[in-house]
Amino acid sequence: MMKKTSKIVARHIFLALLAFIWLIPIIWLVVTTFSAQKGINTNHFFPEHWTLANYHQLFFEPDSAANFPAWFKNSMIIGVCCCIISSLFVIMTAYAFSFLRFKGRKQLMSFSLILGMFPGVLSMIAIYFVLKLIGLTDSLLGLIVVYSGASGLGYLILKGFFDTIPVSLHEAAKLEGASEATIFSRIVVPLSKPMIVYTVINSFLNPWMDFVMARLMIKSKDPSQWTMAIGLFNLLQRALINQYFAYFCCGGLMVALPIAILFIVMQKFYVEGVTGGAVKG
């Protein structure tokens, strides 16, 4: 008994140590946001002088180099639009593959899975030149199109969840004269709320945090046209970092805060969605 207890205690101590090590950079970023020193301070972990001026500058004092309110607005527009469009694409694709039977269904599913295995970066240059030809670079609309265009390929997990819904429910509703839209809205959606929440969260996170595609698409020198990822990265230039590092930490915290709140509020549904999509009936 003592041996088993000692193993449990040692395991928890080890996990607590790992958690502490993992939290060190996050704690440092948070306390740096309250530092009166604008640049990087490597001499002290905690600030020598504390202030809220960095947050005031972040929200109320945009300038030619840093315009966080505009960055936040642009990223929010892209994130919300992509969240709605991508979620609809994924849900419709998963529903079609799970409940409808049509010629070439299995071949189309296999092709979609194979296509989804290729990294998105392989097509970045081609996507850029295509959007440049139609004038959608340097625009929020272009980024929304890029992020939402292939979202339907991520249908597999949601389809796995839909497959757990008894086919008899679908057949009974069809016999009663219900249309596919009625079956989807009255039967499938109420039974799939956890998985739909999971899909919505994932559809929001990718455009909210993405840097690579945004950097490729947005070439404007006007900071008000940038997303948060581009704007905050720009502050790490050698010419700016000594004046804006605390500002950068504030921005990084503001990027992470909505996501953390979203996960905390939706944690129950998110976990149910992941585990539910992994089980097929």
Protein backbone atom coordinates (compact mmCIF):
# COMPACT_ATOMS: atom_id res chain seq x y z
CA MET A 1 0.00 0.00 0.00
CA MET A 2 2.81 2.40 0.90
CA LYS A 3 4.59 1.59 -2.35
CA LYS A 4 1.48 2.38 -4.38
CA THR A 5 0.93 5.64 -2.48
CA SER A 6 4.53 6.72 -2.98
CA LYS A 7 4.22 6.10 -6.73
CA ILE A 8 1.09 8.24 -6.90
CA VAL A 9 2.74 11.05 -4.92
CA ALA A 10 5.87 10.92 -7.09
CA ARG A 11 3.75 10.99 -10.25
CA HIS A 12 1.81 14.04 -9.08
CA ILE A 13 4.98 15.85 -8.03
CA PHE A 14 6.46 15.19 -11.46
CA LEU A 15 3.32 16.43 -13.19
CA ALA A 16 3.22 19.54 -10.96
CA LEU A 17 6.85 20.27 -11.88
CA LEU A 18 6.07 19.95 -15.59
CA ALA A 19 3.06 22.23 -15.18
CA PHE A 20 5.18 24.82 -13.36
CA ILE A 21 7.83 24.76 -16.10
CA TRP A 22 5.11 25.10 -18.75
CA LEU A 23 3.53 28.05 -16.93
CA ILE A 24 6.77 30.05 -16.48
CA PRO A 25 6.72 31.76 -19.93
CA ILE A 26 2.98 32.44 -19.64
CA ILE A 27 3.41 34.03 -16.21
CA TRP A 28 6.34 36.08 -17.53
CA LEU A 29 4.25 37.31 -20.46
CA VAL A 30 1.39 38.31 -18.13
CA VAL A 31 3.56 40.22 -15.64
CA THR A 32 5.47 41.91 -18.48
CA THR A 33 2.22 43.50 -19.63
CA PHE A 34 2.24 45.51 -16.38
CA SER A 35 5.85 46.63 -16.73
CA ALA A 36 6.66 50.34 -16.90
CA GLN A 37 9.66 49.44 -19.08
CA LYS A 38 8.62 49.31 -22.74
CA GLY A 39 11.43 47.03 -23.95
CA ILE A 40 12.61 43.57 -22.95
CA ASN A 41 13.79 43.30 -19.34
CA THR A 42 16.00 40.24 -18.87
CA ASN A 43 17.45 41.36 -15.54
CA HIS A 44 14.24 40.83 -13.53
CA PHE A 45 11.47 38.27 -13.87
CA PHE A 46 8.92 40.61 -12.27
CA PRO A 47 8.75 44.30 -13.25
CA GLU A 48 10.45 46.83 -11.00
CA HIS A 49 7.62 49.29 -11.60
CA TRP A 50 4.02 48.28 -12.32
CA THR A 51 1.59 50.17 -14.54
CA LEU A 52 -1.59 49.83 -16.61
CA ALA A 53 -0.33 52.27 -19.23
CA ASN A 54 0.42 49.47 -21.70
CA TYR A 55 -3.23 48.41 -21.79
CA HIS A 56 -4.33 52.02 -22.17
CA GLN A 57 -1.95 52.42 -25.11
CA LEU A 58 -3.14 49.11 -26.58
CA PHE A 59 -6.80 50.11 -26.74
CA PHE A 60 -6.85 53.91 -26.82
CA GLU A 61 -3.57 55.16 -28.34
CA PRO A 62 -3.05 53.64 -31.81
CA ASP A 63 -0.16 55.07 -33.80
CA SER A 64 1.59 54.60 -37.13
CA ALA A 65 3.32 51.38 -35.98
CA ALA A 66 0.75 49.81 -33.67
CA ASN A 67 -3.00 49.85 -34.21
CA PHE A 68 -4.38 47.02 -32.11
CA PRO A 69 -8.09 48.06 -32.27
CA ALA A 70 -7.97 47.83 -36.08
CA TRP A 71 -6.06 44.53 -35.95
CA PHE A 72 -8.57 43.09 -33.51
CA LYS A 73 -11.51 44.25 -35.65
CA ASN A 74 -10.03 42.75 -38.84
CA SER A 75 -9.24 39.43 -37.16
CA MET A 76 -12.70 39.29 -35.57
CA ILE A 77 -14.43 39.94 -38.91
CA ILE A 78 -12.39 37.19 -40.57
CA GLY A 79 -12.85 34.79 -37.65
CA VAL A 80 -16.61 35.22 -37.34
CA CYS A 81 -17.26 35.04 -41.10
CA CYS A 82 -15.04 31.99 -41.52
CA CYS A 83 -16.62 30.39 -38.46
CA ILE A 84 -20.11 30.68 -39.95
CA ILE A 85 -19.17 29.69 -43.51
CA SER A 86 -16.80 26.87 -42.56
CA SER A 87 -19.21 25.41 -40.01
CA LEU A 88 -21.99 25.33 -42.60
CA PHE A 89 -19.70 23.68 -45.17
CA VAL A 90 -18.51 21.03 -42.72
CA ILE A 91 -22.00 20.27 -41.38
CA MET A 92 -23.56 20.01 -44.85
CA THR A 93 -20.74 17.82 -46.19
CA ALA A 94 -20.84 15.51 -43.17
CA TYR A 95 -24.63 15.23 -43.35
CA ALA A 96 -24.55 14.37 -47.06
CA PHE A 97 -21.90 11.68 -46.64
CA SER A 98 -23.54 10.21 -43.53
CA PHE A 99 -27.25 10.15 -44.41
CA LEU A 100 -27.54 10.40 -48.18
CA ARG A 101 -26.79 7.60 -50.61
CA PHE A 102 -25.77 8.63 -54.10
CA LYS A 103 -23.62 7.29 -56.92
CA GLY A 104 -19.89 7.79 -56.40
CA ARG A 105 -20.31 8.57 -52.67
CA LYS A 106 -17.52 6.27 -51.45
CA GLN A 107 -15.15 7.33 -54.22
CA LEU A 108 -15.78 11.00 -53.44
CA MET A 109 -15.16 10.39 -49.73
CA SER A 110 -11.89 8.62 -50.48
CA PHE A 111 -10.78 11.39 -52.82
CA SER A 112 -11.62 14.02 -50.17
CA LEU A 113 -9.63 12.18 -47.52
CA ILE A 114 -6.59 11.82 -49.79
CA LEU A 115 -6.81 15.48 -50.82
CA GLY A 116 -7.03 16.54 -47.18
CA MET A 117 -3.78 14.72 -46.37
CA PHE A 118 -1.71 17.16 -48.43
CA PRO A 119 -0.37 20.12 -46.42
CA GLY A 120 -2.09 23.40 -47.22
CA VAL A 121 1.27 25.16 -47.65
CA LEU A 122 1.82 23.25 -50.90
CA SER A 123 -0.92 25.27 -52.57
CA MET A 124 -0.18 28.66 -51.00
CA ILE A 125 1.66 30.16 -53.98
CA ALA A 126 -0.98 28.96 -56.46
CA ILE A 127 -3.76 30.34 -54.25
CA TYR A 128 -1.99 33.68 -53.99
CA PHE A 129 -1.62 34.11 -57.76
CA VAL A 130 -5.22 33.02 -58.41
CA LEU A 131 -6.56 35.55 -55.91
CA LYS A 132 -4.19 38.19 -57.27
CA LEU A 133 -5.67 37.71 -60.75
CA ILE A 134 -9.17 38.38 -59.44
CA GLY A 135 -8.08 41.23 -57.17
CA LEU A 136 -8.69 39.62 -53.77
CA THR A 137 -5.23 40.02 -52.27
CA ASP A 138 -4.80 42.73 -49.63
CA SER A 139 -8.43 42.27 -48.60
CA LEU A 140 -10.35 40.65 -45.78
CA LEU A 141 -12.63 38.99 -48.34
CA GLY A 142 -9.66 37.20 -49.89
CA LEU A 143 -8.62 35.75 -46.53
CA ILE A 144 -12.20 34.66 -45.80
CA VAL A 145 -12.33 32.87 -49.16
CA VAL A 146 -8.99 31.14 -48.50
CA TYR A 147 -9.85 29.98 -44.99
CA SER A 148 -13.38 28.85 -45.86
CA GLY A 149 -12.84 27.38 -49.33
CA ALA A 150 -11.58 23.92 -48.39
CA SER A 151 -13.19 23.69 -44.95
CA GLY A 152 -15.61 21.01 -46.15
CA LEU A 153 -12.71 18.55 -46.29
CA GLY A 154 -12.72 18.51 -42.49
CA TYR A 155 -16.02 16.65 -42.38
CA LEU A 156 -14.69 13.29 -41.13
CA ILE A 157 -15.03 13.76 -37.35
CA LEU A 158 -18.51 15.23 -37.64
CA LYS A 159 -19.53 12.42 -40.00
CA GLY A 160 -18.35 9.94 -37.39
CA PHE A 161 -20.71 11.58 -34.91
CA PHE A 162 -23.60 11.60 -37.38
CA ASP A 163 -23.03 7.88 -38.00
CA THR A 164 -23.90 7.19 -34.36
CA ILE A 165 -27.43 8.58 -34.90
CA PRO A 166 -29.76 5.60 -35.61
CA VAL A 167 -30.69 5.31 -39.27
CA SER A 168 -34.19 4.33 -38.17
CA LEU A 169 -34.84 7.92 -37.05
CA HIS A 170 -33.99 9.20 -40.52
CA GLU A 171 -36.10 6.54 -42.23
CA ALA A 172 -39.08 7.10 -39.91
CA ALA A 173 -39.00 10.83 -40.59
CA LYS A 174 -38.86 10.20 -44.35
CA LEU A 175 -41.90 7.92 -44.10
CA GLU A 176 -43.75 10.70 -42.29
CA GLY A 177 -43.06 12.97 -45.26
CA ALA A 178 -40.31 15.11 -43.70
CA SER A 179 -37.84 16.78 -46.05
CA GLU A 180 -34.08 16.55 -45.63
CA ALA A 181 -34.05 20.12 -44.27
CA THR A 182 -36.66 19.21 -41.66
CA ILE A 183 -34.82 16.04 -40.67
CA PHE A 184 -31.60 17.99 -40.31
CA SER A 185 -33.05 20.86 -38.27
CA ARG A 186 -35.51 18.89 -36.13
CA ILE A 187 -33.62 15.63 -35.54
CA VAL A 188 -29.93 15.79 -36.42
CA VAL A 189 -29.06 19.22 -34.99
CA PRO A 190 -30.66 18.66 -31.53
CA LEU A 191 -28.84 15.34 -31.23
CA SER A 192 -25.52 16.80 -32.41
CA LYS A 193 -25.14 19.97 -30.34
CA PRO A 194 -21.83 18.88 -28.69
CA MET A 195 -20.25 18.07 -32.02
CA ILE A 196 -21.54 21.23 -33.68
CA VAL A 197 -19.99 23.29 -30.84
CA TYR A 198 -16.71 21.45 -31.47
CA THR A 199 -16.95 22.26 -35.19
CA VAL A 200 -17.73 25.93 -34.55
CA ILE A 201 -14.77 26.34 -32.17
CA ASN A 202 -12.34 24.76 -34.62
CA SER A 203 -13.71 26.87 -37.48
CA PHE A 204 -12.99 30.01 -35.48
CA LEU A 205 -9.53 29.12 -34.17
CA ASN A 206 -7.74 28.65 -37.48
CA PRO A 207 -8.37 32.10 -39.02
CA TRP A 208 -8.12 33.77 -35.61
CA MET A 209 -4.56 32.59 -34.98
CA ASP A 210 -3.16 32.04 -38.49
CA PHE A 211 -0.08 34.01 -39.49
CA VAL A 212 1.40 32.31 -42.58
CA MET A 213 -1.50 32.74 -45.00
CA ALA A 214 -2.34 36.21 -43.68
CA ARG A 215 1.28 37.29 -44.14
CA LEU A 216 1.28 35.98 -47.71
CA MET A 217 -2.01 37.62 -48.67
CA ILE A 218 -1.77 41.00 -46.94
CA LYS A 219 0.99 43.12 -48.48
CA SER A 220 -0.31 46.53 -47.44
CA LYS A 221 2.01 48.87 -45.55
CA ASP A 222 -0.95 50.42 -43.73
CA PRO A 223 -1.13 48.90 -40.22
CA SER A 224 -4.91 49.38 -40.13
CA GLN A 225 -5.23 46.70 -42.84
CA TRP A 226 -3.37 44.00 -40.90
CA THR A 227 -4.63 41.18 -38.75
CA MET A 228 -3.46 40.71 -35.16
CA ALA A 229 -0.91 38.06 -36.14
CA ILE A 230 0.74 40.32 -38.73
CA GLY A 231 0.62 43.43 -36.55
CA LEU A 232 2.08 41.82 -33.44
CA PHE A 233 4.79 40.08 -35.46
CA ASN A 234 5.77 43.41 -36.98
CA LEU A 235 6.41 44.82 -33.49
CA LEU A 236 9.25 42.31 -33.02
CA GLN A 237 11.43 44.10 -35.56
CA ARG A 238 14.73 45.32 -34.18
CA ALA A 239 13.73 48.96 -34.69
CA LEU A 240 10.47 48.57 -32.74
CA ILE A 241 10.94 45.89 -30.12
CA ASN A 242 12.58 48.17 -27.53
CA GLN A 243 9.57 50.51 -27.62
CA TYR A 244 6.77 47.99 -28.10
CA PHE A 245 7.67 44.72 -26.38
CA ALA A 246 5.35 45.30 -23.40
CA TYR A 247 2.71 46.36 -25.92
CA PHE A 248 3.37 43.10 -27.81
CA CYS A 249 2.83 41.07 -24.62
CA CYS A 250 -0.47 42.88 -23.98
CA GLY A 251 -1.58 42.08 -27.51
CA GLY A 252 -0.56 38.44 -27.15
CA LEU A 253 -2.58 38.17 -23.95
CA MET A 254 -5.61 39.75 -25.62
CA VAL A 255 -5.34 37.24 -28.48
CA ALA A 256 -5.29 34.30 -26.07
CA LEU A 257 -7.93 35.57 -23.63
CA PRO A 258 -11.04 35.15 -25.84
CA ILE A 259 -9.88 31.68 -26.84
CA ALA A 260 -9.30 30.67 -23.21
CA ILE A 261 -12.73 31.99 -22.19
CA LEU A 262 -14.35 30.19 -25.11
CA PHE A 263 -12.74 26.89 -24.16
CA ILE A 264 -13.65 27.24 -20.49
CA VAL A 265 -17.30 28.01 -21.28
CA MET A 266 -17.60 25.33 -23.97
CA GLN A 267 -15.29 22.73 -22.39
CA LYS A 268 -18.06 20.25 -21.63
CA PHE A 269 -19.45 20.35 -25.15
CA TYR A 270 -15.96 20.31 -26.67
CA VAL A 271 -14.90 17.12 -24.85
CA GLU A 272 -18.23 15.44 -25.63
CA GLY A 273 -17.80 16.37 -29.28
CA VAL A 274 -14.29 14.91 -29.54
CA THR A 275 -15.16 11.65 -27.81
CA GLY A 276 -18.50 11.38 -29.60
CA GLY A 277 -16.94 11.78 -33.02
CA ALA A 278 -14.45 9.04 -32.26
CA VAL A 279 -17.17 6.42 -31.74
CA LYS A 280 -19.06 4.93 -34.61
CA GLY A 281 -22.26 2.99 -34.23
